[in-house]
Structures are given as C-alpha cells and as structure tokens.
Amino acid sequence: MIGYYNYTVILTYISLVSSVIGMFLAVGFGGNAPQPAYAIICLMVSGLCDMFDGKIARTKKDRTESEKKFGIQIDSLCDAVCFGVLPAVIGYSIGMSDWCDIPILILFPLCAVIRLAYFNVAEEDRQKKTTENRKVYEGLPVTSVALIFPLIYSFHKDIGADWFPNVYGGAMIIIAIAFITRFKVKKPGMKTMLSFIGVGVVELIWMIYKTKMH
C-alpha cells in the first residue's frame, strides 16, 4: 500500500479518526440526536494528539527525506480536517443554520486551509536557509482551537441556547481572521507546552464531567 505506517504518524492518524468521529457525533449519526459536547471532546483529543505527534516523529533518527516530507503533508492535511472542518460542523450542530451563518461556516475552514498552506510554504523556504528550530509563528496556529472552543463551549449552558450560536459564530470570525493576519506568535517552550497540556486535560475532564451530568 502507498503511504507510511510507522509509529511516527500514528498520533496524526488517531487525531484525524477522532475528529471524523466528532463530526458524526455532532450531526447525529445513525438517527441519534446531535451530540456537540462529545464532538468538542473529540476536538480536544485531536489537539492533545497534535501536541505530541511532531515530537514523537523526531525520535526516529533514521527517517528518510520522503518520510519527513510525508509527515509534514499528512500533519497539515489532518489539521485542516481536525481544526478547520470539525469546528464548523460543531457550529452547525449547535444552531448555526441560518443563511447568515453559512458564510461564517465556510470562512473558518477556508482561512484554516490558507494558513496551513502558507505555513508549509514558508517553513520549506525557511529550512532551505537555516537548520534552526522555528522560534515564532505568523498568525494564530490552527491547533489553538482545541483549547479555545472547548473553553467557550463550557459556558453554553450559562449563555443559553438562543444566544450561544451567536457567541460561537463571533468567535469563529475572530479566530478565522487571526489565522491569516500577519502577526508574530512566539513558539511555546516546553514549560508553556506543559501548561497547555495541563489546561487541556483539565478542560477535557471538565467537559466529560459536564456531559455525563447532562
């Protein structure tokens, strides 16, 4: 079979599987009622996988150049689905179904794809000039939505079913613009990454708890 199936891409594949399951849950697969809360949990699982996939891939010292390029491409393709398409599907499932919501649901994954494609090109050009690790990002990384949207969704009961789709949609617009806006974001160090992971785990536990309670 074509492709690469060693341990360096397993987490990337798991991330994609989690997000596809999240889409099914969001729209109500098999005649079941939509379950956006479980879809949000799937989004967070994808985010946790993404935090570690690159680090795990770099532990394989004998990776060929083709394996490295494949890893970069498959990571971006999966990110487009996990952090571009899934949040839009969740938006639809929570009530963003009016005609005025359609442009927002289209804009978000479009900006995510543009940002990912631009990053790939810029990173390839950068690696031709230097072997140093990247220290800053341009624009908001798409993986940040794995922390942002769960935090927003945790307040959906307090905001109310009538207003929450507007809040979620407003957040989508701001985040989409941030994806493609030219500003510098410092690449997080190990301590910051561990903090993100801690926040993500707490959010995940909180979401599971609230989902079971309701």
C-alpha atoms as a PDB file:
ATOM      1  CA  MET A   1       0.000   0.000   0.000  1.00  0.00           C
ATOM      2  CA  ILE A   2       1.169   3.548  -0.635  1.00  0.00           C
ATOM      3  CA  GLY A   3       1.891   5.796   2.322  1.00  0.00           C
ATOM      4  CA  TYR A   4       3.862   5.371   5.539  1.00  0.00           C
ATOM      5  CA  TYR A   5       2.562   3.428   8.524  1.00  0.00           C
ATOM      6  CA  ASN A   6       5.346   3.554  11.101  1.00  0.00           C
ATOM      7  CA  TYR A   7       4.931   4.914  14.619  1.00  0.00           C
ATOM      8  CA  THR A   8       5.858   8.480  13.611  1.00  0.00           C
ATOM      9  CA  VAL A   9       2.425   9.120  12.060  1.00  0.00           C
ATOM     10  CA  ILE A  10       0.190   7.064  14.357  1.00  0.00           C
ATOM     11  CA  LEU A  11      -0.861  10.022  16.521  1.00  0.00           C
ATOM     12  CA  THR A  12      -1.631  12.091  13.417  1.00  0.00           C
ATOM     13  CA  TYR A  13      -3.911   9.339  12.144  1.00  0.00           C
ATOM     14  CA  ILE A  14      -5.572   8.985  15.556  1.00  0.00           C
ATOM     15  CA  SER A  15      -6.167  12.736  15.578  1.00  0.00           C
ATOM     16  CA  LEU A  16      -7.980  12.505  12.244  1.00  0.00           C
ATOM     17  CA  VAL A  17     -10.044   9.494  13.342  1.00  0.00           C
ATOM     18  CA  SER A  18     -11.103  11.344  16.489  1.00  0.00           C
ATOM     19  CA  SER A  19     -12.246  14.374  14.508  1.00  0.00           C
ATOM     20  CA  VAL A  20     -14.211  12.329  11.960  1.00  0.00           C
ATOM     21  CA  ILE A  21     -15.975  10.582  14.835  1.00  0.00           C
ATOM     22  CA  GLY A  22     -16.621  14.040  16.283  1.00  0.00           C
ATOM     23  CA  MET A  23     -18.338  15.106  13.062  1.00  0.00           C
ATOM     24  CA  PHE A  24     -20.608  12.060  13.158  1.00  0.00           C
ATOM     25  CA  LEU A  25     -21.496  12.813  16.773  1.00  0.00           C
ATOM     26  CA  ALA A  26     -22.096  16.495  16.029  1.00  0.00           C
ATOM     27  CA  VAL A  27     -24.662  15.845  13.296  1.00  0.00           C
ATOM     28  CA  GLY A  28     -26.349  12.876  14.986  1.00  0.00           C
ATOM     29  CA  PHE A  29     -25.015   9.752  13.325  1.00  0.00           C
ATOM     30  CA  GLY A  30     -27.377   6.784  12.926  1.00  0.00           C
ATOM     31  CA  GLY A  31     -30.523   8.735  13.674  1.00  0.00           C
ATOM     32  CA  ASN A  32     -29.305   9.783  17.124  1.00  0.00           C
ATOM     33  CA  ALA A  33     -29.648  13.331  18.429  1.00  0.00           C
ATOM     34  CA  PRO A  34     -26.684  15.646  17.760  1.00  0.00           C
ATOM     35  CA  GLN A  35     -24.072  15.437  20.492  1.00  0.00           C
ATOM     36  CA  PRO A  36     -21.930  18.595  20.174  1.00  0.00           C
ATOM     37  CA  ALA A  37     -20.461  18.082  23.663  1.00  0.00           C
ATOM     38  CA  TYR A  38     -18.946  14.757  22.624  1.00  0.00           C
ATOM     39  CA  ALA A  39     -17.766  16.371  19.392  1.00  0.00           C
ATOM     40  CA  ILE A  40     -15.969  19.021  21.463  1.00  0.00           C
ATOM     41  CA  ILE A  41     -14.281  16.236  23.428  1.00  0.00           C
ATOM     42  CA  CYS A  42     -13.138  14.682  20.135  1.00  0.00           C
ATOM     43  CA  LEU A  43     -11.712  18.073  19.140  1.00  0.00           C
ATOM     44  CA  MET A  44      -9.721  18.160  22.359  1.00  0.00           C
ATOM     45  CA  VAL A  45      -8.421  14.620  21.834  1.00  0.00           C
ATOM     46  CA  SER A  46      -7.224  15.678  18.376  1.00  0.00           C
ATOM     47  CA  GLY A  47      -5.492  18.664  19.946  1.00  0.00           C
ATOM     48  CA  LEU A  48      -3.705  16.501  22.504  1.00  0.00           C
ATOM     49  CA  CYS A  49      -2.532  14.145  19.757  1.00  0.00           C
ATOM     50  CA  ASP A  50      -1.232  17.086  17.733  1.00  0.00           C
ATOM     51  CA  MET A  51       0.866  18.323  20.647  1.00  0.00           C
ATOM     52  CA  PHE A  52       2.923  15.143  20.643  1.00  0.00           C
ATOM     53  CA  ASP A  53       2.962  13.862  17.054  1.00  0.00           C
ATOM     54  CA  GLY A  54       5.863  16.035  15.934  1.00  0.00           C
ATOM     55  CA  LYS A  55       7.960  15.234  18.991  1.00  0.00           C
ATOM     56  CA  ILE A  56       7.382  11.504  18.533  1.00  0.00           C
ATOM     57  CA  ALA A  57       8.241  11.725  14.829  1.00  0.00           C
ATOM     58  CA  ARG A  58      11.578  13.372  15.618  1.00  0.00           C
ATOM     59  CA  THR A  59      12.607  10.462  17.847  1.00  0.00           C
ATOM     60  CA  LYS A  60      13.067   8.342  14.705  1.00  0.00           C
ATOM     61  CA  LYS A  61      16.613   9.298  13.739  1.00  0.00           C
ATOM     62  CA  ASP A  62      16.720   7.251  10.544  1.00  0.00           C
ATOM     63  CA  ARG A  63      13.728   8.917   8.868  1.00  0.00           C
ATOM     64  CA  THR A  64      14.218   9.339   5.150  1.00  0.00           C
ATOM     65  CA  GLU A  65      13.633  12.689   3.472  1.00  0.00           C
ATOM     66  CA  SER A  66      10.463  11.265   1.916  1.00  0.00           C
ATOM     67  CA  GLU A  67       9.187  10.207   5.349  1.00  0.00           C
ATOM     68  CA  LYS A  68       9.847  13.698   6.717  1.00  0.00           C
ATOM     69  CA  LYS A  69       8.000  15.377   3.835  1.00  0.00           C
ATOM     70  CA  PHE A  70       5.140  12.906   4.116  1.00  0.00           C
ATOM     71  CA  GLY A  71       4.865  13.645   7.844  1.00  0.00           C
ATOM     72  CA  ILE A  72       4.655  17.397   7.180  1.00  0.00           C
ATOM     73  CA  GLN A  73       1.995  16.971   4.500  1.00  0.00           C
ATOM     74  CA  ILE A  74      -0.142  14.466   6.402  1.00  0.00           C
ATOM     75  CA  ASP A  75       0.014  16.649   9.519  1.00  0.00           C
ATOM     76  CA  SER A  76      -1.295  19.697   7.663  1.00  0.00           C
ATOM     77  CA  LEU A  77      -3.983  17.725   5.831  1.00  0.00           C
ATOM     78  CA  CYS A  78      -5.233  16.240   9.094  1.00  0.00           C
ATOM     79  CA  ASP A  79      -5.071  19.644  10.809  1.00  0.00           C
ATOM     80  CA  ALA A  80      -7.325  21.065   8.096  1.00  0.00           C
ATOM     81  CA  VAL A  81      -9.963  18.468   8.945  1.00  0.00           C
ATOM     82  CA  CYS A  82      -9.491  18.431  12.723  1.00  0.00           C
ATOM     83  CA  PHE A  83      -9.180  22.146  13.406  1.00  0.00           C
ATOM     84  CA  GLY A  84     -10.778  23.643  10.301  1.00  0.00           C
ATOM     85  CA  VAL A  85     -13.748  21.475   9.349  1.00  0.00           C
ATOM     86  CA  LEU A  86     -14.749  19.949  12.707  1.00  0.00           C
ATOM     87  CA  PRO A  87     -15.300  23.318  14.483  1.00  0.00           C
ATOM     88  CA  ALA A  88     -17.538  24.380  11.578  1.00  0.00           C
ATOM     89  CA  VAL A  89     -19.565  21.162  11.832  1.00  0.00           C
ATOM     90  CA  ILE A  90     -19.910  21.722  15.573  1.00  0.00           C
ATOM     91  CA  GLY A  91     -21.112  25.251  14.855  1.00  0.00           C
ATOM     92  CA  TYR A  92     -23.820  23.897  12.594  1.00  0.00           C
ATOM     93  CA  SER A  93     -24.850  21.321  15.195  1.00  0.00           C
ATOM     94  CA  ILE A  94     -25.353  23.918  17.940  1.00  0.00           C
ATOM     95  CA  GLY A  95     -27.701  26.035  15.844  1.00  0.00           C
ATOM     96  CA  MET A  96     -25.704  27.987  13.261  1.00  0.00           C
ATOM     97  CA  SER A  97     -28.108  27.028  10.491  1.00  0.00           C
ATOM     98  CA  ASP A  98     -29.470  30.379   9.269  1.00  0.00           C
ATOM     99  CA  TRP A  99     -28.492  31.749   5.856  1.00  0.00           C
ATOM    100  CA  CYS A 100     -26.292  34.391   7.533  1.00  0.00           C
ATOM    101  CA  ASP A 101     -24.329  31.651   9.308  1.00  0.00           C
ATOM    102  CA  ILE A 102     -23.282  29.905   6.091  1.00  0.00           C
ATOM    103  CA  PRO A 103     -20.548  32.449   5.186  1.00  0.00           C
ATOM    104  CA  ILE A 104     -19.042  32.025   8.673  1.00  0.00           C
ATOM    105  CA  LEU A 105     -19.089  28.222   8.443  1.00  0.00           C
ATOM    106  CA  ILE A 106     -17.329  28.492   5.066  1.00  0.00           C
ATOM    107  CA  LEU A 107     -14.892  31.247   6.066  1.00  0.00           C
ATOM    108  CA  PHE A 108     -13.489  29.360   9.039  1.00  0.00           C
ATOM    109  CA  PRO A 109     -12.172  26.218   7.281  1.00  0.00           C
ATOM    110  CA  LEU A 110     -11.095  28.339   4.308  1.00  0.00           C
ATOM    111  CA  CYS A 111      -8.888  30.553   6.487  1.00  0.00           C
ATOM    112  CA  ALA A 112      -7.545  27.472   8.272  1.00  0.00           C
ATOM    113  CA  VAL A 113      -6.529  25.861   4.969  1.00  0.00           C
ATOM    114  CA  ILE A 114      -4.931  29.103   3.717  1.00  0.00           C
ATOM    115  CA  ARG A 115      -2.936  29.428   6.938  1.00  0.00           C
ATOM    116  CA  LEU A 116      -1.772  25.795   6.809  1.00  0.00           C
ATOM    117  CA  ALA A 117      -0.732  26.013   3.155  1.00  0.00           C
ATOM    118  CA  TYR A 118       1.118  29.271   3.765  1.00  0.00           C
ATOM    119  CA  PHE A 119       2.897  27.791   6.779  1.00  0.00           C
ATOM    120  CA  ASN A 120       4.043  24.781   4.728  1.00  0.00           C
ATOM    121  CA  VAL A 121       5.500  27.001   2.005  1.00  0.00           C
ATOM    122  CA  ALA A 122       7.113  29.407   4.483  1.00  0.00           C
ATOM    123  CA  GLU A 123       8.567  26.548   6.525  1.00  0.00           C
ATOM    124  CA  GLU A 124      10.030  24.879   3.438  1.00  0.00           C
ATOM    125  CA  ASP A 125      11.670  28.143   2.407  1.00  0.00           C
ATOM    126  CA  ARG A 126      12.961  28.723   5.944  1.00  0.00           C
ATOM    127  CA  GLN A 127      14.532  25.260   6.162  1.00  0.00           C
ATOM    128  CA  LYS A 128      16.477  25.955   2.959  1.00  0.00           C
ATOM    129  CA  LYS A 129      18.130  28.905   4.717  1.00  0.00           C
ATOM    130  CA  THR A 130      18.647  27.594   8.230  1.00  0.00           C
ATOM    131  CA  THR A 131      18.562  24.416  10.304  1.00  0.00           C
ATOM    132  CA  GLU A 132      17.485  26.246  13.461  1.00  0.00           C
ATOM    133  CA  ASN A 133      14.149  25.394  15.028  1.00  0.00           C
ATOM    134  CA  ARG A 134      11.336  27.855  14.394  1.00  0.00           C
ATOM    135  CA  LYS A 135      11.018  30.406  17.194  1.00  0.00           C
ATOM    136  CA  VAL A 136       7.897  32.325  16.110  1.00  0.00           C
ATOM    137  CA  TYR A 137       4.717  31.651  14.151  1.00  0.00           C
ATOM    138  CA  GLU A 138       2.911  34.022  11.813  1.00  0.00           C
ATOM    139  CA  GLY A 139      -0.782  34.221  12.571  1.00  0.00           C
ATOM    140  CA  LEU A 140      -2.727  32.170  15.089  1.00  0.00           C
ATOM    141  CA  PRO A 141      -1.870  28.430  14.871  1.00  0.00           C
ATOM    142  CA  VAL A 142      -4.955  26.430  13.883  1.00  0.00           C
ATOM    143  CA  THR A 143      -4.356  23.897  16.659  1.00  0.00           C
ATOM    144  CA  SER A 144      -5.192  26.594  19.222  1.00  0.00           C
ATOM    145  CA  VAL A 145      -8.893  25.967  18.580  1.00  0.00           C
ATOM    146  CA  ALA A 146      -8.571  22.692  20.512  1.00  0.00           C
ATOM    147  CA  LEU A 147      -8.278  24.849  23.654  1.00  0.00           C
ATOM    148  CA  ILE A 148     -10.371  27.877  22.647  1.00  0.00           C
ATOM    149  CA  PHE A 149     -13.622  26.249  21.544  1.00  0.00           C
ATOM    150  CA  PRO A 150     -13.890  23.809  24.479  1.00  0.00           C
ATOM    151  CA  LEU A 151     -13.453  26.772  26.841  1.00  0.00           C
ATOM    152  CA  ILE A 152     -16.200  28.687  25.040  1.00  0.00           C
ATOM    153  CA  TYR A 153     -18.479  25.652  24.919  1.00  0.00           C
ATOM    154  CA  SER A 154     -18.118  25.079  28.664  1.00  0.00           C
ATOM    155  CA  PHE A 155     -20.253  28.224  29.144  1.00  0.00           C
ATOM    156  CA  HIS A 156     -23.009  27.277  26.691  1.00  0.00           C
ATOM    157  CA  LYS A 157     -25.498  26.487  29.458  1.00  0.00           C
ATOM    158  CA  ASP A 158     -24.853  29.841  31.127  1.00  0.00           C
ATOM    159  CA  ILE A 159     -25.129  31.770  27.864  1.00  0.00           C
ATOM    160  CA  GLY A 160     -28.309  29.983  26.775  1.00  0.00           C
ATOM    161  CA  ALA A 161     -29.331  28.085  23.669  1.00  0.00           C
ATOM    162  CA  ASP A 162     -30.678  31.217  21.934  1.00  0.00           C
ATOM    163  CA  TRP A 163     -27.505  33.280  22.282  1.00  0.00           C
ATOM    164  CA  PHE A 164     -24.767  30.679  22.250  1.00  0.00           C
ATOM    165  CA  PRO A 165     -24.733  30.148  18.437  1.00  0.00           C
ATOM    166  CA  ASN A 166     -24.092  33.908  18.074  1.00  0.00           C
ATOM    167  CA  VAL A 167     -21.229  33.773  20.583  1.00  0.00           C
ATOM    168  CA  TYR A 168     -19.730  30.706  18.904  1.00  0.00           C
ATOM    169  CA  GLY A 169     -20.109  32.287  15.462  1.00  0.00           C
ATOM    170  CA  GLY A 170     -18.494  35.528  16.628  1.00  0.00           C
ATOM    171  CA  ALA A 171     -15.562  33.543  17.991  1.00  0.00           C
ATOM    172  CA  MET A 172     -15.248  31.717  14.662  1.00  0.00           C
ATOM    173  CA  ILE A 173     -14.981  35.021  12.786  1.00  0.00           C
ATOM    174  CA  ILE A 174     -12.320  36.424  15.118  1.00  0.00           C
ATOM    175  CA  ILE A 175     -10.284  33.202  15.079  1.00  0.00           C
ATOM    176  CA  ALA A 176     -10.556  32.843  11.285  1.00  0.00           C
ATOM    177  CA  ILE A 177      -9.218  36.372  10.800  1.00  0.00           C
ATOM    178  CA  ALA A 178      -6.442  35.666  13.304  1.00  0.00           C
ATOM    179  CA  PHE A 179      -5.415  32.608  11.252  1.00  0.00           C
ATOM    180  CA  ILE A 180      -4.460  34.767   8.269  1.00  0.00           C
ATOM    181  CA  THR A 181      -3.428  38.012   9.971  1.00  0.00           C
ATOM    182  CA  ARG A 182       0.282  38.757   9.803  1.00  0.00           C
ATOM    183  CA  PHE A 183       1.374  38.994  13.426  1.00  0.00           C
ATOM    184  CA  LYS A 184       4.055  37.159  15.368  1.00  0.00           C
ATOM    185  CA  VAL A 185       3.279  34.472  17.940  1.00  0.00           C
ATOM    186  CA  LYS A 186       6.208  33.153  19.955  1.00  0.00           C
ATOM    187  CA  LYS A 187       6.566  29.411  19.659  1.00  0.00           C
ATOM    188  CA  PRO A 188       5.803  27.964  23.100  1.00  0.00           C
ATOM    189  CA  GLY A 189       8.644  26.386  25.037  1.00  0.00           C
ATOM    190  CA  MET A 190       8.465  23.161  26.969  1.00  0.00           C
ATOM    191  CA  LYS A 191       7.070  24.785  30.139  1.00  0.00           C
ATOM    192  CA  THR A 192       4.359  26.560  28.141  1.00  0.00           C
ATOM    193  CA  MET A 193       3.546  23.354  26.280  1.00  0.00           C
ATOM    194  CA  LEU A 194       3.183  21.502  29.566  1.00  0.00           C
ATOM    195  CA  SER A 195       0.892  24.289  30.780  1.00  0.00           C
ATOM    196  CA  PHE A 196      -1.219  23.947  27.632  1.00  0.00           C
ATOM    197  CA  ILE A 197      -1.398  20.201  28.156  1.00  0.00           C
ATOM    198  CA  GLY A 198      -2.441  20.732  31.764  1.00  0.00           C
ATOM    199  CA  VAL A 199      -5.162  23.167  30.732  1.00  0.00           C
ATOM    200  CA  GLY A 200      -6.288  20.780  28.017  1.00  0.00           C
ATOM    201  CA  VAL A 201      -6.510  17.841  30.404  1.00  0.00           C
ATOM    202  CA  VAL A 202      -8.480  19.908  32.933  1.00  0.00           C
ATOM    203  CA  GLU A 203     -10.840  21.085  30.187  1.00  0.00           C
ATOM    204  CA  LEU A 204     -11.229  17.525  28.932  1.00  0.00           C
ATOM    205  CA  ILE A 205     -12.090  16.181  32.381  1.00  0.00           C
ATOM    206  CA  TRP A 206     -14.471  19.088  32.953  1.00  0.00           C
ATOM    207  CA  MET A 207     -16.198  18.516  29.606  1.00  0.00           C
ATOM    208  CA  ILE A 208     -16.611  14.782  30.262  1.00  0.00           C
ATOM    209  CA  TYR A 209     -17.999  15.538  33.738  1.00  0.00           C
ATOM    210  CA  LYS A 210     -20.478  18.122  32.443  1.00  0.00           C
ATOM    211  CA  THR A 211     -21.518  15.852  29.565  1.00  0.00           C
ATOM    212  CA  LYS A 212     -22.283  12.984  31.932  1.00  0.00           C
ATOM    213  CA  MET A 213     -24.153  15.326  34.290  1.00  0.00           C
ATOM    214  CA  HIS A 214     -26.411  16.450  31.466  1.00  0.00           C
END
